[in-house]
Each structure stands twice: as C-alpha cells, then as structure tokens.
Amino acid sequence: MVENMADDVELRRTQLATPASDPDFMESASNSDADEVFLDLEDSVAPSAKVEAREPLIEAARDHDWSGKILSYRINGIDTKWWYDDIIEVVGHVGEYIDDIIVPKVAGPSDVHTVENLLTQVEENNGLEIGGIGLEPQIEDGEGIHNVHDIAHASDRLSSIIFGPGDYSAAMGTPGLDIGQFPDYRGHYWHHALSECNSAAKSADLPCLDGPYADIDDPDGFRTSAERANMLGCDGKWAIHPSQIEIGNDVFAPDPEIAERAERIVEAYAEAMEEGKGAVSVDGQMVDEATNKMAQDIVATARAAGIL
C-alpha cells in the first residue's frame, strides 16, 4: 500500500468570491463547501463604500468559523489610494485569521515586492509570524501575461497564480460584455493566456486558478469553462455564486475510476522499483516514471478530496 500522499495537498478547486460589504454573504460563505473564500474589497465594492467595507470584513474574519477553508481577501490595486490601508487595517486587526491576500492587476514582480514589503512591516508591528500570510497575484493585462513567469517566482509568499478574464478582456480590447463567456468563438478563447499562467505557476510549484464565469444561471456553461481550465492543468476556478461550488469541486477533483487506476499505477510502480525494473504494465498499458508522477498527483488530490 502506498503511503498517504494527501498531507501536502491544499485543495483550491473553488474560490468563492464574496463582497466584503455584505455581512450576510460572508456568513453564508463561511458555511459553504468552497475550498477557499475570498472577501472582496475591490471590484464588488463601490468606491464610496471601500473604506467602510473593511470593518465588516474584519468582523467576519474574526466571528465566523473558517476551519476547513482557506480564508483570503482581495485588496484594491496598488495604483489606488485604498490598498495601503486595506493591508494595514485588516492584517493589523485580524491577520491571525487570514491565510492569503489576493493582489489584483499585478503587472510585474515589483508589484509583488511592493505589497510584500508593507505586509512584512505590518506583520512585524502586530506580532504576527513574518511570512505567515500568503499572496495570490491576479494576472489581468498584457503586461502581466508577459511577465507572469517572473511574477510566479517573485516571492516565497506566493500561494497561487490567478487569471482574471474580465479585466484581461478590457485590456486586450476583446469584443463582448460577458465575463468568461465567448460562445461564438471556435475553440478555447483563453487558451493562450491561461496556459501561460498555468505554465508559470507550475514552474514555481504553485496552483493556477481560473477566473469567473459571469452567468450564474448557466451551470452547463460554467462546467464547460471549468473543464477547459482543468484540461490545461489549472487546479481550480472562481465561483461567484454558491450554485457554482458543487460543479467546480466536481470538475477539479479526479474521476473516481481514474483515481483508483492511478492508485494501482503508483502501487505497481513502487513494487517494480523495488524489484529493479524501470517500467511496468498496468491495465495493459506501459507505465514509466512520467506516468507514475502523474498518477501520484492524482492520488494525492483524490485523497485530499476524500475520493480515495
């Protein structure tokens, strides 16, 4: 029997977006089945409400039970007047409850360094573990895509790379008004950008997360979008409504039959290595080290998701 491989796997199949200005939504999010919840101070909060939204975020982080979830929040971009206090006030009050900070519109490594330097000072001044809070840069324009590999290696704090199709569409000048949706396009509209993000993330041993699918009344469209991201190697996707969580959790978890086959591959390959063999046949197909590595990843994810 192979050893437990799930210990180091941190599932991020669904990342539920929740406005920080809405206490009821945040309470509901704490009871959801999302692997990660992020409380949003950026796009889902009106400019006139951004300062006031920090207080309900602080209360929600402190008062609700977030066990079993990754709790993060999204600051405003570093080109705004709000981001500085987004970090100082939230981390200063409830930094011990926060796992990650999502940083929008990251264009290069210097953006990561700017946030990291302030975050380190806030952690130190509040007696928090230095480096205890991770960073999740969001790639949302051409400069970010161009620099995404450098961004992925910019800091040991990084927890994931996130692709943001909405602002990326605006930056690229693409037609249409529906975020994440291009039904008339033959192929995967975001194939290149999402592949670049995933390649960069995996080069730094990080998960890559796809952004939102805006039509919450189109579960089939959301599933298709998630499946395309999964086929490119992404580890999860945003959910902007609780109804999308179950679909995302399903798509980004291994199929039970594939997981069981992967477990057989890992066990057979381990036995072959003990016997000094370089490869082994499982279910009529040759298995080598590359196949074994893929199988190990599937087994680890399946066990973390409770499938095995």
Protein backbone atom coordinates (compact mmCIF):
# COMPACT_ATOMS: atom_id res chain seq x y z
CA MET A 1 0.00 0.00 0.00
CA VAL A 2 1.37 3.42 -0.94
CA GLU A 3 1.88 5.99 1.79
CA ASN A 4 -0.56 8.82 2.36
CA MET A 5 0.10 11.45 -0.30
CA ALA A 6 -2.57 13.95 0.75
CA ASP A 7 -0.68 15.62 3.58
CA ASP A 8 0.83 18.38 1.42
CA VAL A 9 -2.17 18.88 -0.90
CA GLU A 10 -4.14 22.08 -0.29
CA LEU A 11 -7.27 21.96 -2.41
CA ARG A 12 -8.32 25.13 -4.23
CA ARG A 13 -10.96 23.64 -6.52
CA THR A 14 -13.34 26.53 -5.94
CA GLN A 15 -12.52 30.04 -4.76
CA LEU A 16 -15.77 31.72 -3.69
CA ALA A 17 -15.87 35.48 -4.29
CA THR A 18 -17.79 37.33 -1.57
CA PRO A 19 -18.31 41.12 -1.26
CA ALA A 20 -16.76 42.39 1.98
CA SER A 21 -19.54 44.94 2.24
CA ASP A 22 -22.22 42.26 2.75
CA PRO A 23 -22.18 40.58 6.20
CA ASP A 24 -24.89 38.05 5.27
CA PHE A 25 -22.99 36.86 2.19
CA MET A 26 -19.80 36.45 4.22
CA GLU A 27 -21.58 34.42 6.88
CA SER A 28 -23.11 32.22 4.19
CA ALA A 29 -19.68 31.79 2.58
CA SER A 30 -18.23 30.53 5.86
CA ASN A 31 -20.77 27.69 5.76
CA SER A 32 -20.22 26.82 2.10
CA ASP A 33 -18.34 23.89 0.58
CA ALA A 34 -15.82 26.13 -1.20
CA ASP A 35 -12.18 25.22 -0.65
CA GLU A 36 -11.28 28.91 -0.47
CA VAL A 37 -13.32 32.01 0.27
CA PHE A 38 -12.05 35.46 -0.54
CA LEU A 39 -13.67 38.54 0.95
CA ASP A 40 -13.51 41.23 -1.70
CA LEU A 41 -12.61 44.87 -1.20
CA GLU A 42 -12.02 45.53 -4.90
CA ASP A 43 -14.43 45.22 -7.84
CA SER A 44 -17.52 44.08 -5.92
CA VAL A 45 -17.41 47.12 -3.60
CA ALA A 46 -18.34 50.61 -4.81
CA PRO A 47 -15.64 53.29 -4.45
CA SER A 48 -17.77 55.16 -1.93
CA ALA A 49 -18.02 52.03 0.26
CA LYS A 50 -14.46 50.71 0.13
CA VAL A 51 -13.26 52.23 3.39
CA GLU A 52 -16.39 51.21 5.29
CA ALA A 53 -16.21 47.66 3.90
CA ARG A 54 -13.06 46.89 5.88
CA GLU A 55 -14.94 46.76 9.19
CA PRO A 56 -17.47 44.06 8.22
CA LEU A 57 -14.60 42.10 6.67
CA ILE A 58 -12.69 42.29 9.95
CA GLU A 59 -15.76 41.21 11.89
CA ALA A 60 -16.47 38.31 9.54
CA ALA A 61 -12.88 37.05 9.69
CA ARG A 62 -12.96 37.17 13.47
CA ASP A 63 -16.51 35.99 14.22
CA HIS A 64 -17.20 33.16 11.75
CA ASP A 65 -15.78 29.64 11.67
CA TRP A 66 -13.47 29.31 8.66
CA SER A 67 -11.99 25.94 9.63
CA GLY A 68 -11.56 23.61 6.68
CA LYS A 69 -11.26 26.57 4.31
CA ILE A 70 -8.58 28.89 3.04
CA LEU A 71 -9.61 32.41 4.07
CA SER A 72 -8.29 35.21 1.90
CA TYR A 73 -9.28 38.71 0.96
CA ARG A 74 -8.67 40.86 -2.10
CA ILE A 75 -7.18 44.30 -1.65
CA ASN A 76 -7.55 47.14 -4.10
CA GLY A 77 -4.85 47.54 -6.73
CA ILE A 78 -1.60 49.22 -5.76
CA ASP A 79 -2.40 52.03 -8.20
CA THR A 80 -5.30 53.09 -5.95
CA LYS A 81 -5.46 55.09 -2.72
CA TRP A 82 -7.08 52.24 -0.78
CA TRP A 83 -4.65 49.32 -0.95
CA TYR A 84 -2.26 50.63 1.72
CA ASP A 85 -4.90 50.78 4.45
CA ASP A 86 -6.54 47.59 3.13
CA ILE A 87 -3.43 45.81 4.40
CA ILE A 88 -2.66 47.88 7.49
CA GLU A 89 -6.19 47.79 8.92
CA VAL A 90 -7.24 44.24 8.04
CA VAL A 91 -3.98 42.48 8.82
CA GLY A 92 -3.48 44.70 11.85
CA HIS A 93 -6.81 43.60 13.33
CA VAL A 94 -7.31 40.00 12.12
CA GLY A 95 -4.07 38.93 10.49
CA GLU A 96 -4.02 35.73 12.55
CA TYR A 97 -7.17 34.57 10.72
CA ILE A 98 -6.06 35.45 7.19
CA ASP A 99 -4.33 32.84 5.05
CA ASP A 100 -3.79 34.80 1.83
CA ILE A 101 -4.15 38.22 0.25
CA ILE A 102 -5.22 38.43 -3.40
CA VAL A 103 -3.42 41.23 -5.22
CA PRO A 104 -5.27 42.38 -8.36
CA LYS A 105 -3.79 43.67 -11.61
CA VAL A 106 -0.24 42.52 -10.94
CA ALA A 107 1.90 43.62 -13.89
CA GLY A 108 5.36 42.55 -12.74
CA PRO A 109 7.47 41.26 -9.83
CA SER A 110 7.87 44.77 -8.41
CA ASP A 111 4.14 44.86 -7.67
CA VAL A 112 4.51 41.72 -5.57
CA HIS A 113 7.54 43.17 -3.80
CA THR A 114 5.67 46.40 -3.00
CA VAL A 115 2.84 44.53 -1.28
CA GLU A 116 5.22 42.10 0.40
CA ASN A 117 7.34 44.86 1.92
CA LEU A 118 4.33 46.55 3.53
CA LEU A 119 2.84 43.23 4.64
CA THR A 120 6.08 42.25 6.35
CA GLN A 121 6.12 45.52 8.30
CA VAL A 122 2.50 45.08 9.35
CA GLU A 123 3.14 41.52 10.48
CA GLU A 124 6.17 42.58 12.49
CA ASN A 125 4.40 45.54 14.10
CA ASN A 126 1.47 43.34 15.15
CA GLY A 127 3.43 40.38 16.49
CA LEU A 128 2.40 38.08 13.64
CA GLU A 129 4.52 35.38 12.04
CA ILE A 130 6.66 37.00 9.34
CA GLY A 131 5.68 35.41 6.06
CA GLY A 132 2.65 33.71 7.55
CA ILE A 133 0.22 35.35 5.12
CA GLY A 134 0.48 34.27 1.50
CA LEU A 135 0.00 36.33 -1.65
CA GLU A 136 -2.05 35.43 -4.71
CA PRO A 137 -1.24 37.69 -7.69
CA GLN A 138 -4.01 38.14 -10.21
CA ILE A 139 -2.95 38.44 -13.86
CA GLU A 140 -5.28 40.79 -15.72
CA ASP A 141 -3.50 42.53 -18.60
CA GLY A 142 -0.92 42.08 -21.33
CA GLU A 143 1.99 43.25 -19.21
CA GLY A 144 1.04 40.76 -16.51
CA ILE A 145 0.90 37.91 -19.03
CA HIS A 146 4.24 38.97 -20.48
CA ASN A 147 5.82 38.92 -17.01
CA VAL A 148 3.87 36.07 -15.45
CA HIS A 149 6.85 33.70 -15.15
CA ASP A 150 8.85 36.32 -13.26
CA ILE A 151 5.80 37.12 -11.14
CA ALA A 152 5.40 33.45 -10.19
CA HIS A 153 8.96 33.42 -8.81
CA ALA A 154 8.85 36.87 -7.20
CA SER A 155 8.35 35.74 -3.60
CA ASP A 156 8.23 32.71 -1.33
CA ARG A 157 4.88 34.04 -0.09
CA LEU A 158 3.05 33.17 -3.30
CA SER A 159 0.22 30.67 -2.85
CA SER A 160 -1.27 30.66 -6.35
CA ILE A 161 -1.47 32.45 -9.68
CA ILE A 162 -4.94 33.69 -10.69
CA PHE A 163 -6.08 34.56 -14.21
CA GLY A 164 -8.65 37.38 -14.39
CA PRO A 165 -10.57 37.20 -17.70
CA GLY A 166 -12.73 40.28 -17.11
CA ASP A 167 -10.06 42.95 -16.83
CA TYR A 168 -7.90 40.99 -19.27
CA SER A 169 -10.69 41.32 -21.86
CA ALA A 170 -10.82 45.07 -21.29
CA ALA A 171 -7.05 45.38 -21.51
CA MET A 172 -6.88 43.35 -24.73
CA GLY A 173 -9.79 45.13 -26.41
CA THR A 174 -11.80 41.96 -26.97
CA PRO A 175 -15.45 42.26 -28.05
CA GLY A 176 -18.35 41.36 -25.80
CA LEU A 177 -19.56 42.23 -22.33
CA ASP A 178 -19.93 38.80 -20.68
CA ILE A 179 -17.03 37.88 -18.41
CA GLY A 180 -15.61 34.45 -19.17
CA GLN A 181 -18.12 33.75 -21.95
CA PHE A 182 -17.47 33.63 -25.70
CA PRO A 183 -19.95 31.11 -27.13
CA ASP A 184 -19.39 32.05 -30.78
CA TYR A 185 -15.62 31.55 -30.66
CA ARG A 186 -14.46 28.27 -32.16
CA GLY A 187 -12.04 26.91 -29.57
CA HIS A 188 -10.96 27.97 -26.11
CA TYR A 189 -10.87 31.77 -26.06
CA TRP A 190 -8.45 31.99 -23.14
CA HIS A 191 -6.21 29.08 -24.15
CA HIS A 192 -3.02 31.10 -24.57
CA ALA A 193 -3.37 33.38 -21.54
CA LEU A 194 -4.49 30.61 -19.20
CA SER A 195 -1.77 28.28 -20.46
CA GLU A 196 0.84 30.96 -19.81
CA CYS A 197 -0.46 31.46 -16.27
CA ASN A 198 -0.52 27.73 -15.57
CA SER A 199 2.94 27.18 -17.04
CA ALA A 200 4.34 29.96 -14.86
CA ALA A 201 2.54 28.69 -11.77
CA LYS A 202 3.72 25.13 -12.21
CA SER A 203 7.30 26.26 -12.84
CA ALA A 204 7.14 27.69 -9.30
CA ASP A 205 5.23 24.68 -7.91
CA LEU A 206 2.10 26.78 -7.42
CA PRO A 207 -1.55 26.10 -8.23
CA CYS A 208 -3.19 28.08 -11.01
CA LEU A 209 -6.77 29.30 -10.71
CA ASP A 210 -9.12 30.36 -13.48
CA GLY A 211 -11.32 33.41 -13.01
CA PRO A 212 -15.10 33.82 -13.01
CA TYR A 213 -17.88 32.73 -15.33
CA ALA A 214 -20.40 35.52 -15.02
CA ASP A 215 -23.67 33.85 -16.00
CA ILE A 216 -24.80 32.26 -12.74
CA ASP A 217 -27.93 30.92 -14.47
CA ASP A 218 -25.86 28.85 -16.91
CA PRO A 219 -24.47 25.88 -14.95
CA ASP A 220 -23.59 23.99 -18.14
CA GLY A 221 -21.56 26.94 -19.39
CA PHE A 222 -19.76 27.16 -16.07
CA ARG A 223 -18.98 23.44 -16.19
CA THR A 224 -17.61 23.74 -19.71
CA SER A 225 -15.45 26.69 -18.71
CA ALA A 226 -14.14 24.77 -15.69
CA GLU A 227 -13.47 21.65 -17.76
CA ARG A 228 -11.43 23.64 -20.28
CA ALA A 229 -9.35 25.15 -17.49
CA ASN A 230 -8.90 21.73 -15.93
CA MET A 231 -7.71 20.27 -19.25
CA LEU A 232 -5.00 22.95 -19.36
CA GLY A 233 -3.81 21.86 -15.90
CA CYS A 234 -5.48 24.50 -13.74
CA ASP A 235 -6.27 23.49 -10.18
CA GLY A 236 -9.47 25.43 -9.60
CA LYS A 237 -11.76 28.25 -10.61
CA TRP A 238 -13.61 31.15 -9.06
CA ALA A 239 -17.22 30.73 -8.05
CA ILE A 240 -19.21 33.95 -7.94
CA HIS A 241 -22.35 32.23 -6.67
CA PRO A 242 -22.78 29.30 -4.26
CA SER A 243 -24.54 27.33 -7.01
CA GLN A 244 -21.22 27.07 -8.88
CA ILE A 245 -19.33 25.49 -5.97
CA GLU A 246 -20.53 21.92 -6.37
CA ILE A 247 -19.76 21.96 -10.09
CA GLY A 248 -16.27 23.36 -9.55
CA ASN A 249 -15.48 20.90 -6.78
CA ASP A 250 -16.57 18.07 -9.06
CA VAL A 251 -14.66 19.19 -12.16
CA PHE A 252 -11.37 19.82 -10.36
CA ALA A 253 -11.42 16.56 -8.41
CA PRO A 254 -10.23 13.36 -10.12
CA ASP A 255 -12.82 10.99 -11.52
CA PRO A 256 -13.15 8.09 -9.03
CA GLU A 257 -12.33 5.45 -11.66
CA ILE A 258 -9.25 7.36 -12.80
CA ALA A 259 -8.21 7.86 -9.18
CA GLU A 260 -8.46 4.12 -8.48
CA ARG A 261 -6.42 3.34 -11.61
CA ALA A 262 -3.83 5.92 -10.58
CA GLU A 263 -3.57 4.23 -7.18
CA ARG A 264 -2.95 0.88 -8.88
CA ILE A 265 -0.27 2.50 -11.04
CA VAL A 266 1.52 4.01 -8.03
CA GLU A 267 1.46 0.71 -6.15
CA ALA A 268 2.60 -1.33 -9.17
CA TYR A 269 5.38 1.10 -10.00
CA ALA A 270 6.64 1.12 -6.41
CA GLU A 271 6.81 -2.67 -6.49
CA ALA A 272 8.62 -2.59 -9.84
CA MET A 273 11.22 -0.18 -8.47
CA GLU A 274 11.84 -2.50 -5.51
CA GLU A 275 12.43 -5.32 -7.98
CA GLY A 276 14.83 -3.20 -10.04
CA LYS A 277 12.52 -2.77 -13.04
CA GLY A 278 12.37 0.51 -14.96
CA ALA A 279 8.78 0.18 -16.13
CA VAL A 280 5.68 -1.93 -15.54
CA SER A 281 2.42 -2.71 -17.32
CA VAL A 282 -0.86 -1.73 -15.64
CA ASP A 283 -4.23 -2.46 -17.29
CA GLY A 284 -2.40 -3.29 -20.50
CA GLN A 285 -0.50 0.00 -20.72
CA MET A 286 3.16 0.64 -20.08
CA VAL A 287 3.91 2.80 -17.04
CA ASP A 288 7.17 4.72 -16.67
CA GLU A 289 8.36 7.44 -14.28
CA ALA A 290 6.42 10.19 -16.06
CA THR A 291 3.18 8.22 -15.79
CA ASN A 292 3.94 7.42 -12.17
CA LYS A 293 4.39 11.12 -11.37
CA MET A 294 1.02 11.97 -12.93
CA ALA A 295 -0.57 9.11 -11.03
CA GLN A 296 0.95 10.29 -7.74
CA ASP A 297 -0.53 13.76 -8.26
CA ILE A 298 -3.96 12.30 -8.98
CA VAL A 299 -3.82 10.04 -5.93
CA ALA A 300 -2.79 12.93 -3.68
CA THR A 301 -5.59 15.17 -4.94
CA ALA A 302 -8.16 12.36 -4.75
CA ARG A 303 -7.25 11.59 -1.15
CA ALA A 304 -7.39 15.24 -0.15
CA ALA A 305 -10.84 15.42 -1.75
CA GLY A 306 -12.00 12.29 0.06
CA ILE A 307 -12.36 10.23 -3.12
CA LEU A 308 -9.81 7.57 -2.07
